[in-house]
Amino acid sequence: MFGLATMLAIATPAIADSPLPPADYANVQLRDPDQEARAKDLMGTLRCLVCQGQSIADSDAEMAGDMRSLVRKRILAGESPDAIRESLVSSYGEYVSYDPPFNWLTAPLWLMPLVLAGIGTWLARGSFRRRRG
């Protein structure tokens, strides 16, 4: 029983990606340097949904490759990076973007650092006052 569970745990990363070849433009640059630059700029701002800590430009995950291919194909077709971003956000949610817009849903994301900095300042100030007294 233990041997089977161990083998499955070890084999899971090996079967995480499919045996299919990568998408057409996943690892191939566009011929036009301006189009490739726009694609790379956009890919650097999109989060890999598998890795979560990497952009799709940096990730080796299969899904990131599929997203890179999609971005390059749409740039090649003449679509604007903003339109591509909107399409991906509507498909995957705001989490796909490293720079989510400010709205009522993302407000805690934007405001929490300010709140925590304020609490930290208040605590530090109180600590310094006690040391003086």
N, C-alpha and C. Protein backbone atom coordinates (compact mmCIF):
# COMPACT_ATOMS: atom_id res chain seq x y z
N MET A 1 0.83 -1.20 0.00
CA MET A 1 0.00 0.00 0.00
C MET A 1 0.86 1.26 0.00
N PHE A 2 1.84 1.32 0.89
CA PHE A 2 2.73 2.47 0.97
C PHE A 2 3.53 2.63 -0.31
N GLY A 3 3.96 1.53 -0.89
CA GLY A 3 4.75 1.58 -2.11
C GLY A 3 3.98 2.18 -3.27
N LEU A 4 2.69 1.82 -3.41
CA LEU A 4 1.86 2.34 -4.49
C LEU A 4 1.62 3.84 -4.32
N ALA A 5 1.33 4.26 -3.10
CA ALA A 5 1.09 5.69 -2.84
C ALA A 5 2.36 6.50 -3.10
N THR A 6 3.50 5.97 -2.72
CA THR A 6 4.77 6.66 -2.95
C THR A 6 5.05 6.77 -4.43
N MET A 7 4.83 5.70 -5.17
CA MET A 7 5.08 5.73 -6.61
C MET A 7 4.16 6.73 -7.31
N LEU A 8 2.90 6.81 -6.89
CA LEU A 8 1.97 7.77 -7.48
C LEU A 8 2.39 9.20 -7.16
N ALA A 9 2.84 9.45 -5.94
CA ALA A 9 3.27 10.79 -5.56
C ALA A 9 4.50 11.22 -6.34
N ILE A 10 5.40 10.29 -6.59
CA ILE A 10 6.61 10.61 -7.34
C ILE A 10 6.29 10.79 -8.82
N ALA A 11 5.36 10.02 -9.35
CA ALA A 11 5.05 10.05 -10.78
C ALA A 11 4.16 11.22 -11.17
N THR A 12 3.47 11.84 -10.22
CA THR A 12 2.53 12.90 -10.55
C THR A 12 3.15 14.04 -11.35
N PRO A 13 4.32 14.59 -10.96
CA PRO A 13 4.90 15.66 -11.78
C PRO A 13 5.24 15.21 -13.20
N ALA A 14 5.58 13.95 -13.36
CA ALA A 14 5.95 13.45 -14.69
C ALA A 14 4.75 13.39 -15.62
N ILE A 15 3.55 13.24 -15.08
CA ILE A 15 2.37 13.15 -15.93
C ILE A 15 1.54 14.43 -15.92
N ALA A 16 2.08 15.51 -15.33
CA ALA A 16 1.34 16.76 -15.22
C ALA A 16 1.09 17.39 -16.58
N ASP A 17 2.07 17.34 -17.47
CA ASP A 17 1.91 17.88 -18.82
C ASP A 17 1.56 16.76 -19.77
N SER A 18 0.86 17.11 -20.82
CA SER A 18 0.48 16.10 -21.80
C SER A 18 1.66 15.77 -22.71
N PRO A 19 1.59 14.65 -23.41
CA PRO A 19 2.68 14.30 -24.32
C PRO A 19 2.59 15.01 -25.67
N LEU A 20 1.60 15.88 -25.83
CA LEU A 20 1.43 16.60 -27.09
C LEU A 20 2.54 17.61 -27.30
N PRO A 21 2.86 17.92 -28.55
CA PRO A 21 3.88 18.96 -28.80
C PRO A 21 3.36 20.33 -28.35
N PRO A 22 4.26 21.28 -28.09
CA PRO A 22 3.82 22.61 -27.67
C PRO A 22 3.01 23.31 -28.77
N ALA A 23 2.22 24.28 -28.38
CA ALA A 23 1.42 25.06 -29.33
C ALA A 23 2.34 25.76 -30.33
N ASP A 24 1.78 26.11 -31.49
CA ASP A 24 2.55 26.65 -32.61
C ASP A 24 3.52 27.77 -32.24
N TYR A 25 3.03 28.80 -31.60
CA TYR A 25 3.85 29.97 -31.29
C TYR A 25 4.26 30.03 -29.82
N ALA A 26 4.22 28.92 -29.12
CA ALA A 26 4.56 28.92 -27.70
C ALA A 26 6.02 29.30 -27.48
N ASN A 27 6.90 28.77 -28.31
CA ASN A 27 8.34 29.00 -28.12
C ASN A 27 9.00 29.56 -29.38
N VAL A 28 8.20 30.12 -30.29
CA VAL A 28 8.71 30.67 -31.54
C VAL A 28 8.37 32.15 -31.59
N GLN A 29 9.38 32.97 -31.83
CA GLN A 29 9.14 34.41 -31.90
C GLN A 29 8.51 34.79 -33.23
N LEU A 30 7.78 35.89 -33.20
CA LEU A 30 7.20 36.43 -34.43
C LEU A 30 8.30 37.05 -35.28
N ARG A 31 8.12 37.06 -36.58
CA ARG A 31 9.15 37.59 -37.48
C ARG A 31 9.30 39.10 -37.37
N ASP A 32 8.19 39.79 -37.16
CA ASP A 32 8.22 41.25 -37.04
C ASP A 32 8.67 41.63 -35.62
N PRO A 33 9.80 42.31 -35.49
CA PRO A 33 10.30 42.65 -34.14
C PRO A 33 9.34 43.52 -33.33
N ASP A 34 8.59 44.41 -33.99
CA ASP A 34 7.63 45.26 -33.27
C ASP A 34 6.49 44.42 -32.70
N GLN A 35 5.99 43.48 -33.50
CA GLN A 35 4.92 42.61 -33.02
C GLN A 35 5.41 41.73 -31.87
N GLU A 36 6.62 41.20 -32.00
CA GLU A 36 7.17 40.36 -30.94
C GLU A 36 7.39 41.16 -29.66
N ALA A 37 7.81 42.40 -29.80
CA ALA A 37 8.01 43.26 -28.63
C ALA A 37 6.68 43.51 -27.92
N ARG A 38 5.61 43.77 -28.69
CA ARG A 38 4.28 43.97 -28.08
C ARG A 38 3.82 42.69 -27.39
N ALA A 39 4.05 41.55 -28.05
CA ALA A 39 3.64 40.27 -27.46
C ALA A 39 4.41 40.01 -26.16
N LYS A 40 5.71 40.24 -26.17
CA LYS A 40 6.53 40.00 -24.97
C LYS A 40 6.13 40.93 -23.83
N ASP A 41 5.86 42.20 -24.16
CA ASP A 41 5.42 43.13 -23.13
C ASP A 41 4.13 42.64 -22.47
N LEU A 42 3.20 42.18 -23.28
CA LEU A 42 1.93 41.69 -22.75
C LEU A 42 2.14 40.40 -21.96
N MET A 43 2.95 39.48 -22.49
CA MET A 43 3.18 38.21 -21.81
C MET A 43 3.84 38.41 -20.45
N GLY A 44 4.64 39.45 -20.30
CA GLY A 44 5.28 39.74 -19.02
C GLY A 44 4.32 40.23 -17.96
N THR A 45 3.13 40.66 -18.37
CA THR A 45 2.15 41.17 -17.41
C THR A 45 1.04 40.19 -17.11
N LEU A 46 1.10 39.00 -17.73
CA LEU A 46 0.08 37.98 -17.52
C LEU A 46 0.63 36.86 -16.65
N ARG A 47 -0.14 36.46 -15.66
CA ARG A 47 0.28 35.44 -14.69
C ARG A 47 0.00 34.04 -15.23
N CYS A 48 0.96 33.15 -15.02
CA CYS A 48 0.75 31.74 -15.35
C CYS A 48 -0.23 31.18 -14.31
N LEU A 49 -1.31 30.61 -14.76
CA LEU A 49 -2.33 30.11 -13.84
C LEU A 49 -1.92 28.80 -13.18
N VAL A 50 -0.93 28.13 -13.73
CA VAL A 50 -0.43 26.89 -13.14
C VAL A 50 0.64 27.21 -12.10
N CYS A 51 1.63 28.01 -12.50
CA CYS A 51 2.76 28.34 -11.61
C CYS A 51 2.37 29.41 -10.59
N GLN A 52 1.56 30.34 -10.96
CA GLN A 52 1.01 31.44 -10.17
C GLN A 52 2.05 32.47 -9.75
N GLY A 53 3.30 32.12 -9.66
CA GLY A 53 4.30 33.08 -9.26
C GLY A 53 5.13 33.57 -10.43
N GLN A 54 4.83 33.09 -11.62
CA GLN A 54 5.60 33.46 -12.80
C GLN A 54 4.67 34.04 -13.86
N SER A 55 5.25 34.85 -14.72
CA SER A 55 4.49 35.32 -15.86
C SER A 55 4.47 34.21 -16.91
N ILE A 56 3.57 34.33 -17.88
CA ILE A 56 3.55 33.31 -18.94
C ILE A 56 4.80 33.37 -19.79
N ALA A 57 5.50 34.50 -19.78
CA ALA A 57 6.75 34.62 -20.54
C ALA A 57 7.85 33.77 -19.91
N ASP A 58 7.81 33.60 -18.58
CA ASP A 58 8.87 32.89 -17.86
C ASP A 58 8.55 31.44 -17.54
N SER A 59 7.29 31.06 -17.64
CA SER A 59 6.87 29.74 -17.21
C SER A 59 7.09 28.67 -18.28
N ASP A 60 7.42 27.47 -17.82
CA ASP A 60 7.55 26.32 -18.71
C ASP A 60 6.30 25.45 -18.72
N ALA A 61 5.26 25.84 -17.99
CA ALA A 61 4.04 25.05 -17.94
C ALA A 61 3.36 25.02 -19.31
N GLU A 62 2.70 23.93 -19.58
CA GLU A 62 2.02 23.76 -20.87
C GLU A 62 0.96 24.83 -21.09
N MET A 63 0.22 25.15 -20.05
CA MET A 63 -0.83 26.17 -20.19
C MET A 63 -0.23 27.54 -20.51
N ALA A 64 0.92 27.85 -19.92
CA ALA A 64 1.60 29.11 -20.22
C ALA A 64 2.02 29.14 -21.68
N GLY A 65 2.49 28.01 -22.19
CA GLY A 65 2.85 27.93 -23.61
C GLY A 65 1.65 28.15 -24.50
N ASP A 66 0.52 27.58 -24.11
CA ASP A 66 -0.71 27.79 -24.88
C ASP A 66 -1.12 29.26 -24.86
N MET A 67 -0.95 29.91 -23.71
CA MET A 67 -1.30 31.33 -23.61
C MET A 67 -0.33 32.20 -24.41
N ARG A 68 0.97 31.85 -24.40
CA ARG A 68 1.94 32.59 -25.22
C ARG A 68 1.60 32.47 -26.69
N SER A 69 1.23 31.27 -27.11
CA SER A 69 0.85 31.04 -28.50
C SER A 69 -0.38 31.87 -28.86
N LEU A 70 -1.35 31.89 -27.97
CA LEU A 70 -2.58 32.66 -28.21
C LEU A 70 -2.26 34.15 -28.35
N VAL A 71 -1.41 34.66 -27.46
CA VAL A 71 -1.03 36.08 -27.51
C VAL A 71 -0.34 36.38 -28.84
N ARG A 72 0.62 35.57 -29.22
CA ARG A 72 1.35 35.82 -30.47
C ARG A 72 0.44 35.73 -31.69
N LYS A 73 -0.45 34.75 -31.71
CA LYS A 73 -1.37 34.62 -32.86
C LYS A 73 -2.27 35.84 -32.97
N ARG A 74 -2.76 36.32 -31.84
CA ARG A 74 -3.66 37.48 -31.88
C ARG A 74 -2.91 38.76 -32.24
N ILE A 75 -1.69 38.90 -31.76
CA ILE A 75 -0.87 40.05 -32.15
C ILE A 75 -0.60 39.99 -33.65
N LEU A 76 -0.29 38.80 -34.15
CA LEU A 76 -0.04 38.59 -35.57
C LEU A 76 -1.28 38.93 -36.40
N ALA A 77 -2.45 38.67 -35.84
CA ALA A 77 -3.71 38.98 -36.54
C ALA A 77 -4.07 40.46 -36.46
N GLY A 78 -3.27 41.24 -35.71
CA GLY A 78 -3.51 42.68 -35.64
C GLY A 78 -4.31 43.14 -34.45
N GLU A 79 -4.59 42.25 -33.52
CA GLU A 79 -5.37 42.62 -32.33
C GLU A 79 -4.48 43.41 -31.36
N SER A 80 -5.07 44.35 -30.67
CA SER A 80 -4.30 45.18 -29.73
C SER A 80 -4.03 44.41 -28.43
N PRO A 81 -2.92 44.70 -27.76
CA PRO A 81 -2.64 44.04 -26.48
C PRO A 81 -3.74 44.25 -25.44
N ASP A 82 -4.36 45.44 -25.44
CA ASP A 82 -5.44 45.69 -24.48
C ASP A 82 -6.63 44.79 -24.74
N ALA A 83 -6.96 44.57 -26.00
CA ALA A 83 -8.08 43.69 -26.34
C ALA A 83 -7.77 42.24 -25.96
N ILE A 84 -6.53 41.83 -26.15
CA ILE A 84 -6.13 40.48 -25.79
C ILE A 84 -6.20 40.31 -24.28
N ARG A 85 -5.71 41.31 -23.54
CA ARG A 85 -5.77 41.26 -22.07
C ARG A 85 -7.22 41.16 -21.60
N GLU A 86 -8.09 41.98 -22.17
CA GLU A 86 -9.51 41.95 -21.77
C GLU A 86 -10.11 40.59 -22.03
N SER A 87 -9.77 39.97 -23.14
CA SER A 87 -10.27 38.65 -23.47
C SER A 87 -9.79 37.61 -22.46
N LEU A 88 -8.51 37.66 -22.10
CA LEU A 88 -7.98 36.71 -21.13
C LEU A 88 -8.56 36.94 -19.74
N VAL A 89 -8.76 38.20 -19.37
CA VAL A 89 -9.36 38.50 -18.07
C VAL A 89 -10.81 38.01 -18.04
N SER A 90 -11.53 38.16 -19.14
CA SER A 90 -12.92 37.68 -19.15
C SER A 90 -12.97 36.15 -19.11
N SER A 91 -11.94 35.49 -19.63
CA SER A 91 -11.90 34.02 -19.60
C SER A 91 -11.42 33.48 -18.27
N TYR A 92 -10.37 34.09 -17.69
CA TYR A 92 -9.73 33.54 -16.50
C TYR A 92 -9.90 34.37 -15.24
N GLY A 93 -10.44 35.57 -15.36
CA GLY A 93 -10.63 36.42 -14.19
C GLY A 93 -9.47 37.38 -14.00
N GLU A 94 -9.62 38.31 -13.07
CA GLU A 94 -8.62 39.35 -12.81
C GLU A 94 -7.29 38.77 -12.36
N TYR A 95 -7.32 37.54 -11.83
CA TYR A 95 -6.09 36.94 -11.30
C TYR A 95 -5.03 36.73 -12.37
N VAL A 96 -5.44 36.63 -13.62
CA VAL A 96 -4.48 36.40 -14.71
C VAL A 96 -3.58 37.61 -14.94
N SER A 97 -3.99 38.76 -14.44
CA SER A 97 -3.22 39.99 -14.64
C SER A 97 -2.41 40.32 -13.40
N TYR A 98 -1.14 40.69 -13.59
CA TYR A 98 -0.31 41.14 -12.47
C TYR A 98 -0.70 42.54 -12.03
N ASP A 99 -1.47 43.25 -12.81
CA ASP A 99 -1.86 44.62 -12.50
C ASP A 99 -3.39 44.74 -12.56
N PRO A 100 -4.08 44.18 -11.55
CA PRO A 100 -5.54 44.23 -11.59
C PRO A 100 -6.05 45.66 -11.44
N PRO A 101 -7.16 46.00 -12.09
CA PRO A 101 -7.70 47.36 -11.96
C PRO A 101 -8.28 47.58 -10.57
N PHE A 102 -8.39 48.83 -10.18
CA PHE A 102 -8.99 49.17 -8.90
C PHE A 102 -10.51 49.17 -9.05
N ASN A 103 -11.17 48.28 -8.34
CA ASN A 103 -12.63 48.25 -8.28
C ASN A 103 -13.03 47.68 -6.92
N TRP A 104 -14.32 47.53 -6.66
CA TRP A 104 -14.76 47.11 -5.33
C TRP A 104 -14.26 45.70 -5.00
N LEU A 105 -14.03 44.87 -6.01
CA LEU A 105 -13.56 43.51 -5.77
C LEU A 105 -12.06 43.47 -5.45
N THR A 106 -11.27 44.36 -6.07
CA THR A 106 -9.83 44.35 -5.85
C THR A 106 -9.37 45.41 -4.85
N ALA A 107 -10.30 46.17 -4.30
CA ALA A 107 -9.95 47.22 -3.34
C ALA A 107 -9.13 46.69 -2.16
N PRO A 108 -9.48 45.54 -1.56
CA PRO A 108 -8.64 45.04 -0.46
C PRO A 108 -7.19 44.79 -0.89
N LEU A 109 -7.00 44.34 -2.11
CA LEU A 109 -5.64 44.11 -2.62
C LEU A 109 -4.83 45.40 -2.63
N TRP A 110 -5.45 46.48 -3.05
CA TRP A 110 -4.77 47.76 -3.17
C TRP A 110 -4.65 48.48 -1.83
N LEU A 111 -5.65 48.34 -0.97
CA LEU A 111 -5.69 49.11 0.27
C LEU A 111 -5.01 48.42 1.45
N MET A 112 -4.93 47.09 1.43
CA MET A 112 -4.36 46.36 2.57
C MET A 112 -2.91 46.76 2.88
N PRO A 113 -2.04 46.97 1.89
CA PRO A 113 -0.67 47.42 2.25
C PRO A 113 -0.67 48.75 3.00
N LEU A 114 -1.56 49.66 2.63
CA LEU A 114 -1.64 50.95 3.33
C LEU A 114 -2.14 50.76 4.76
N VAL A 115 -3.15 49.91 4.92
CA VAL A 115 -3.69 49.64 6.26
C VAL A 115 -2.62 48.99 7.13
N LEU A 116 -1.91 48.00 6.58
CA LEU A 116 -0.87 47.32 7.36
C LEU A 116 0.28 48.26 7.70
N ALA A 117 0.66 49.14 6.78
CA ALA A 117 1.71 50.12 7.06
C ALA A 117 1.27 51.07 8.16
N GLY A 118 0.02 51.47 8.14
CA GLY A 118 -0.51 52.34 9.19
C GLY A 118 -0.51 51.66 10.55
N ILE A 119 -0.93 50.40 10.59
CA ILE A 119 -0.92 49.64 11.85
C ILE A 119 0.51 49.46 12.35
N GLY A 120 1.43 49.15 11.44
CA GLY A 120 2.83 48.99 11.82
C GLY A 120 3.42 50.27 12.38
N THR A 121 3.10 51.40 11.76
CA THR A 121 3.58 52.69 12.23
C THR A 121 3.02 53.00 13.61
N TRP A 122 1.74 52.73 13.81
CA TRP A 122 1.09 52.98 15.10
C TRP A 122 1.72 52.11 16.19
N LEU A 123 1.97 50.82 15.89
CA LEU A 123 2.59 49.92 16.87
C LEU A 123 4.02 50.35 17.18
N ALA A 124 4.78 50.71 16.16
CA ALA A 124 6.17 51.13 16.37
C ALA A 124 6.22 52.41 17.20
N ARG A 125 5.33 53.33 16.92
CA ARG A 125 5.30 54.60 17.66
C ARG A 125 5.00 54.35 19.13
N GLY A 126 4.03 53.46 19.39
CA GLY A 126 3.71 53.13 20.78
C GLY A 126 4.87 52.45 21.48
N SER A 127 5.58 51.58 20.77
CA SER A 127 6.73 50.89 21.34
C SER A 127 7.85 51.86 21.68
N PHE A 128 8.10 52.83 20.78
CA PHE A 128 9.15 53.82 21.04
C PHE A 128 8.79 54.73 22.21
N ARG A 129 7.52 55.07 22.35
CA ARG A 129 7.10 55.92 23.48
C ARG A 129 7.30 55.21 24.80
N ARG A 130 7.02 53.91 24.86
CA ARG A 130 7.18 53.16 26.10
C ARG A 130 8.66 53.04 26.49
N ARG A 131 9.52 52.94 25.50
CA ARG A 131 10.97 52.82 25.79
C ARG A 131 11.52 54.13 26.36
N ARG A 132 10.99 55.26 25.91
CA ARG A 132 11.46 56.54 26.40
C ARG A 132 11.02 56.77 27.86
N GLY A 133 9.80 56.31 28.13
CA GLY A 133 9.21 56.62 29.44
C GLY A 133 9.63 55.72 30.52
